[in-house]
């Protein structure tokens, strides 16, 4: 399958710069590169009625949060999406996904609460999952103080954040916290490092920006003990029982190394009776939702996500 035209043009533009791939960079430089990419290629910064930083109580200290409110939102009982950024559990932060969160908030007409969970290698697994679960439960418990409606909450994220969103949704079900939905954008659902588990791992292994070499770079830092990948907190597809989980929206790209494991997780949810909607963008690469300034399909995906959230919330 050919690459989407916009995605191909973006990858050619990056290749002409002749900068080293992220998998060859120290972590500090990889994080800086990721933030620059968002700033340069993420599209416009949508104005909000308010943007406020705060913190949730976490297992290892405060977890930074950022609450986005678009114009016209109920100041006391707003529906909300708790958003977990991508970046392989190693890169990414509130700044790298600021534009994405603003776009979702504005298009869906809901509040978005971004979560700045702990990153590897300073904090390897299960730190990120612990923070994701703790932040979701704290936000639900403090919803009134935050001006949110605890009965209209969803969780979502992209890539590693999609994995964490799936984990948080499982933990919510197990604790009795009712969610209206989970938005899984090209999620990593199976962190067993076997390239033959899913065909897309071979088929798209050399397709940037998330090559198989990049996957291995992230895994070496996030999962230094590969046995951790056998736990559903790292690989949500391994959860013993998927019944009763929140309705899911899965968004993916056909030229993404993670495509098939995302589809397999959606299949697992559907088989357990969970309502699932999904869309695969032909010829699309990993990470495209963050590239709204150069990839037209990002806007379509954001509209799709917004429409689904409006219906669920």
Protein backbone atom coordinates (compact mmCIF):
# COMPACT_ATOMS: atom_id res chain seq x y z
CA UNK A 1 0.00 0.00 0.00
CA UNK A 2 1.31 3.43 -0.93
CA UNK A 3 1.76 6.09 1.72
CA UNK A 4 -0.81 8.82 2.05
CA UNK A 5 0.37 11.74 -0.10
CA UNK A 6 0.65 14.20 2.78
CA UNK A 7 2.41 11.65 4.98
CA UNK A 8 4.90 10.86 2.20
CA UNK A 9 5.63 14.56 1.65
CA UNK A 10 6.19 15.05 5.39
CA UNK A 11 8.58 12.11 5.60
CA UNK A 12 10.50 13.36 2.55
CA UNK A 13 10.78 16.79 4.17
CA UNK A 14 12.17 15.25 7.35
CA UNK A 15 14.59 13.05 5.40
CA UNK A 16 16.01 16.07 3.57
CA UNK A 17 17.04 17.57 6.90
CA UNK A 18 19.40 14.63 7.43
CA UNK A 19 18.95 14.79 11.19
CA UNK A 20 19.67 11.58 13.14
CA UNK A 21 16.62 9.43 13.87
CA UNK A 22 15.27 9.71 17.39
CA UNK A 23 16.41 6.15 18.09
CA UNK A 24 20.04 7.36 17.87
CA UNK A 25 19.62 10.32 20.24
CA UNK A 26 20.08 10.65 23.98
CA UNK A 27 16.75 10.88 25.78
CA UNK A 28 17.07 14.61 26.51
CA UNK A 29 17.61 15.38 22.81
CA UNK A 30 14.80 13.04 21.76
CA UNK A 31 12.41 14.90 24.06
CA UNK A 32 13.46 18.25 22.66
CA UNK A 33 13.04 16.97 19.09
CA UNK A 34 9.53 15.74 19.88
CA UNK A 35 8.49 19.12 21.29
CA UNK A 36 9.93 20.92 18.25
CA UNK A 37 7.98 18.63 15.91
CA UNK A 38 4.73 19.52 17.64
CA UNK A 39 5.51 23.23 17.52
CA UNK A 40 6.44 23.22 13.84
CA UNK A 41 3.98 20.71 12.37
CA UNK A 42 1.05 20.58 14.79
CA UNK A 43 -1.03 23.24 13.07
CA UNK A 44 -2.72 26.25 14.69
CA UNK A 45 -2.97 26.82 18.43
CA UNK A 46 -6.70 27.09 19.07
CA UNK A 47 -7.72 29.71 21.62
CA UNK A 48 -9.48 28.46 24.74
CA UNK A 49 -11.73 30.22 27.21
CA UNK A 50 -9.25 29.12 29.87
CA UNK A 51 -6.21 26.90 30.31
CA UNK A 52 -5.22 26.08 33.88
CA UNK A 53 -2.38 24.01 35.26
CA UNK A 54 -2.84 21.99 38.45
CA UNK A 55 -1.79 18.63 39.85
CA UNK A 56 -3.36 15.35 40.90
CA UNK A 57 -2.24 13.36 43.90
CA UNK A 58 -0.10 10.50 42.65
CA UNK A 59 1.64 7.45 44.10
CA UNK A 60 5.05 9.13 43.90
CA UNK A 61 4.04 12.78 44.29
CA UNK A 62 2.03 15.35 42.34
CA UNK A 63 1.05 14.53 38.75
CA UNK A 64 0.91 17.72 36.64
CA UNK A 65 -2.38 18.35 34.85
CA UNK A 66 -3.59 20.92 32.35
CA UNK A 67 -7.31 21.69 32.07
CA UNK A 68 -8.58 23.11 28.77
CA UNK A 69 -12.00 24.76 28.54
CA UNK A 70 -13.36 25.93 25.18
CA UNK A 71 -15.79 28.80 24.83
CA UNK A 72 -19.39 28.23 25.92
CA UNK A 73 -18.75 25.34 28.29
CA UNK A 74 -20.74 24.80 31.49
CA UNK A 75 -18.44 26.20 34.21
CA UNK A 76 -19.69 23.77 36.86
CA UNK A 77 -20.54 20.45 35.23
CA UNK A 78 -18.62 20.12 31.99
CA UNK A 79 -18.14 16.77 30.25
CA UNK A 80 -14.46 15.93 30.01
CA UNK A 81 -11.86 13.77 28.31
CA UNK A 82 -8.84 12.79 30.41
CA UNK A 83 -6.00 12.75 27.86
CA UNK A 84 -2.72 10.81 28.03
CA UNK A 85 -0.05 11.91 25.56
CA UNK A 86 1.99 9.66 23.33
CA UNK A 87 5.75 9.39 23.08
CA UNK A 88 6.73 5.81 23.85
CA UNK A 89 6.58 6.37 27.62
CA UNK A 90 9.91 8.18 27.17
CA UNK A 91 9.22 11.48 25.35
CA UNK A 92 6.19 13.78 25.31
CA UNK A 93 4.67 16.11 27.87
CA UNK A 94 1.98 18.77 28.30
CA UNK A 95 3.66 20.94 25.65
CA UNK A 96 4.07 18.26 22.98
CA UNK A 97 0.32 17.62 22.92
CA UNK A 98 -0.97 21.09 23.73
CA UNK A 99 -2.28 21.64 20.20
CA UNK A 100 -3.97 18.23 20.05
CA UNK A 101 -5.76 18.81 23.36
CA UNK A 102 -6.93 22.25 22.26
CA UNK A 103 -8.26 20.84 18.98
CA UNK A 104 -10.22 18.07 20.70
CA UNK A 105 -11.65 20.47 23.30
CA UNK A 106 -12.76 23.00 20.67
CA UNK A 107 -14.15 20.51 18.16
CA UNK A 108 -16.00 18.38 20.72
CA UNK A 109 -17.13 21.26 22.94
CA UNK A 110 -15.85 19.53 26.08
CA UNK A 111 -13.15 20.03 28.68
CA UNK A 112 -9.89 18.15 28.21
CA UNK A 113 -7.60 17.33 31.12
CA UNK A 114 -4.07 16.47 29.97
CA UNK A 115 -1.97 14.28 32.26
CA UNK A 116 1.82 14.62 32.53
CA UNK A 117 2.66 11.14 33.83
CA UNK A 118 6.15 10.03 34.83
CA UNK A 119 8.48 9.04 31.98
CA UNK A 120 11.15 6.39 31.51
CA UNK A 121 14.05 5.80 31.83
CA UNK A 122 13.94 7.82 35.05
CA UNK A 123 10.68 6.08 35.93
CA UNK A 124 10.28 2.77 34.04
CA UNK A 125 7.15 0.63 34.07
CA UNK A 126 4.84 0.48 35.90
CA UNK A 127 5.26 4.19 36.86
CA UNK A 128 3.38 5.63 33.87
CA UNK A 129 0.43 3.26 34.32
CA UNK A 130 0.28 4.00 38.05
CA UNK A 131 0.12 7.72 37.31
CA UNK A 132 -2.50 7.32 34.59
CA UNK A 133 -4.80 5.33 36.87
CA UNK A 134 -4.22 7.63 39.85
CA UNK A 135 -4.81 10.79 37.80
CA UNK A 136 -8.08 9.48 36.33
CA UNK A 137 -9.43 8.53 39.75
CA UNK A 138 -8.30 11.82 41.31
CA UNK A 139 -9.98 13.83 38.54
CA UNK A 140 -13.20 11.86 39.00
CA UNK A 141 -13.08 12.40 42.76
CA UNK A 142 -12.34 16.11 42.44
CA UNK A 143 -14.67 16.71 39.49
CA UNK A 144 -16.90 19.20 41.33
CA UNK A 145 -13.92 21.32 42.37
CA UNK A 146 -12.63 21.22 38.80
CA UNK A 147 -16.00 22.21 37.32
CA UNK A 148 -16.47 18.82 35.67
CA UNK A 149 -19.34 16.34 35.61
CA UNK A 150 -18.14 13.05 37.16
CA UNK A 151 -20.93 11.21 35.34
CA UNK A 152 -19.62 12.36 31.94
CA UNK A 153 -15.98 11.38 31.83
CA UNK A 154 -13.99 9.60 29.13
CA UNK A 155 -10.33 8.66 28.88
CA UNK A 156 -8.15 8.73 25.78
CA UNK A 157 -4.69 9.01 24.36
CA UNK A 158 -2.42 8.35 21.43
CA UNK A 159 0.27 5.68 21.00
CA UNK A 160 1.78 5.03 24.46
CA UNK A 161 -0.98 7.28 25.79
CA UNK A 162 -3.51 5.05 24.03
CA UNK A 163 -2.04 2.10 25.89
CA UNK A 164 -2.29 4.00 29.17
CA UNK A 165 -5.87 5.02 28.38
CA UNK A 166 -6.77 1.36 27.85
CA UNK A 167 -5.09 0.46 31.14
CA UNK A 168 -6.89 3.28 32.96
CA UNK A 169 -10.22 2.13 31.52
CA UNK A 170 -9.60 -1.39 32.82
CA UNK A 171 -8.68 -0.07 36.26
CA UNK A 172 -11.78 2.14 36.24
CA UNK A 173 -14.03 -0.83 35.54
CA UNK A 174 -12.35 -2.86 38.28
CA UNK A 175 -12.77 -0.06 40.82
CA UNK A 176 -16.39 0.71 39.93
CA UNK A 177 -15.66 4.05 38.23
CA UNK A 178 -18.02 4.40 35.28
CA UNK A 179 -16.58 5.97 32.14
CA UNK A 180 -18.59 7.04 29.10
CA UNK A 181 -15.87 5.96 26.69
CA UNK A 182 -12.23 5.38 25.80
CA UNK A 183 -10.52 6.95 22.77
CA UNK A 184 -7.59 4.85 21.58
CA UNK A 185 -5.52 6.56 18.88
CA UNK A 186 -3.04 4.14 17.26
CA UNK A 187 -2.50 2.52 20.67
CA UNK A 188 0.29 0.21 21.75
CA UNK A 189 -1.69 -2.67 23.24
CA UNK A 190 0.82 -5.53 23.30
CA UNK A 191 4.31 -4.78 24.55
CA UNK A 192 5.76 -8.23 24.11
CA UNK A 193 8.76 -7.44 21.92
CA UNK A 194 8.22 -10.07 19.24
CA UNK A 195 8.13 -8.76 15.66
CA UNK A 196 6.16 -11.80 14.50
CA UNK A 197 3.18 -11.34 16.81
CA UNK A 198 1.41 -9.02 14.36
CA UNK A 199 1.93 -8.70 10.58
CA UNK A 200 2.13 -4.88 10.69
CA UNK A 201 5.26 -5.14 12.82
CA UNK A 202 7.05 -6.63 9.81
CA UNK A 203 5.07 -4.89 7.08
CA UNK A 204 5.66 -1.39 8.47
CA UNK A 205 8.91 -1.96 10.36
CA UNK A 206 10.83 0.58 8.28
CA UNK A 207 8.05 3.21 7.99
CA UNK A 208 8.87 6.37 9.99
CA UNK A 209 8.30 7.93 12.37
CA UNK A 210 7.72 4.80 14.48
CA UNK A 211 10.05 2.21 12.99
CA UNK A 212 10.72 -1.11 14.72
CA UNK A 213 14.11 0.33 15.75
CA UNK A 214 12.23 3.17 17.47
CA UNK A 215 9.95 0.67 19.21
CA UNK A 216 13.02 -1.13 20.55
CA UNK A 217 14.50 2.21 21.71
CA UNK A 218 11.39 2.94 23.76
CA UNK A 219 11.08 -0.59 25.12
CA UNK A 220 14.67 -0.66 26.33
CA UNK A 221 13.91 2.33 28.54
CA UNK A 222 10.29 1.73 29.50
CA UNK A 223 10.44 -2.05 30.00
CA UNK A 224 14.01 -2.93 31.03
CA UNK A 225 12.62 -6.20 32.39
CA UNK A 226 10.74 -7.81 29.46
CA UNK A 227 8.67 -9.90 31.89
CA UNK A 228 6.77 -6.72 32.75
CA UNK A 229 5.21 -6.87 29.27
CA UNK A 230 3.26 -9.96 30.34
CA UNK A 231 1.19 -7.84 32.75
CA UNK A 232 -1.95 -6.12 31.41
CA UNK A 233 -0.75 -2.85 32.97
CA UNK A 234 1.88 -2.84 30.20
CA UNK A 235 0.01 -4.91 27.60
CA UNK A 236 -3.73 -4.28 28.00
CA UNK A 237 -4.57 -6.90 25.38
CA UNK A 238 -3.52 -9.49 27.99
CA UNK A 239 -6.24 -8.48 30.48
CA UNK A 240 -7.96 -11.71 31.58
CA UNK A 241 -11.48 -10.38 31.04
CA UNK A 242 -12.47 -7.51 28.75
CA UNK A 243 -16.19 -7.57 29.54
CA UNK A 244 -17.75 -4.45 30.96
CA UNK A 245 -15.13 -2.01 29.73
CA UNK A 246 -16.12 1.44 28.51
CA UNK A 247 -17.22 1.80 24.87
CA UNK A 248 -14.21 2.37 22.63
CA UNK A 249 -13.21 4.34 19.57
CA UNK A 250 -10.10 3.07 17.79
CA UNK A 251 -8.33 5.32 15.27
CA UNK A 252 -5.35 3.97 13.33
CA UNK A 253 -3.22 4.19 10.22
CA UNK A 254 -2.62 1.32 7.81
CA UNK A 255 1.12 2.07 7.50
CA UNK A 256 1.69 2.09 11.26
CA UNK A 257 3.82 -0.60 12.89
CA UNK A 258 1.22 -0.73 15.71
CA UNK A 259 -1.81 -1.05 13.44
CA UNK A 260 -2.56 -4.74 13.83
CA UNK A 261 -2.23 -4.89 17.61
CA UNK A 262 -4.69 -1.99 17.85
CA UNK A 263 -7.13 -3.88 15.65
CA UNK A 264 -6.58 -7.03 17.71
CA UNK A 265 -7.46 -5.13 20.87
CA UNK A 266 -10.60 -3.74 19.27
CA UNK A 267 -11.52 -7.29 18.25
CA UNK A 268 -10.94 -8.44 21.82
CA UNK A 269 -13.24 -5.73 23.19
CA UNK A 270 -15.95 -6.44 20.62
CA UNK A 271 -15.83 -10.17 21.36
CA UNK A 272 -16.43 -9.35 25.03
CA UNK A 273 -19.52 -7.31 24.17
CA UNK A 274 -17.94 -3.86 24.43
CA UNK A 275 -19.33 -1.36 21.87
CA UNK A 276 -16.47 -0.52 19.49
CA UNK A 277 -16.20 1.93 16.62
CA UNK A 278 -13.05 2.08 14.55
CA UNK A 279 -11.47 3.74 11.57
CA UNK A 280 -8.23 2.98 9.76
CA UNK A 281 -6.79 5.69 7.52
CA UNK A 282 -5.31 4.13 4.35
CA UNK A 283 -1.65 4.86 3.72
CA UNK A 284 -1.34 6.70 7.03
CA UNK A 285 1.67 6.57 9.34
CA UNK A 286 1.96 6.55 13.10
CA UNK A 287 1.65 9.88 14.88
CA UNK A 288 -0.42 11.67 12.24
CA UNK A 289 -2.91 13.14 14.71
CA UNK A 290 -0.09 15.37 15.96
CA UNK A 291 0.76 16.64 12.47
CA UNK A 292 -2.31 18.72 11.68
CA UNK A 293 -0.22 21.43 10.06
CA UNK A 294 1.02 19.12 7.29
CA UNK A 295 -1.34 16.11 7.10
CA UNK A 296 -4.93 16.86 6.10
CA UNK A 297 -6.26 13.56 7.47
CA UNK A 298 -5.48 14.78 10.99
CA UNK A 299 -8.41 17.19 10.79
CA UNK A 300 -10.73 14.42 9.65
CA UNK A 301 -9.59 12.22 12.53
CA UNK A 302 -10.07 15.02 15.03
CA UNK A 303 -13.59 15.60 13.73
CA UNK A 304 -14.29 11.88 14.01
CA UNK A 305 -13.04 11.84 17.61
CA UNK A 306 -15.01 14.98 18.45
CA UNK A 307 -18.23 13.60 17.00
CA UNK A 308 -17.82 10.35 18.93
CA UNK A 309 -17.13 12.21 22.18
CA UNK A 310 -20.17 14.44 21.72
CA UNK A 311 -22.33 11.35 21.29
CA UNK A 312 -20.82 9.57 24.28
CA UNK A 313 -20.66 12.54 26.65
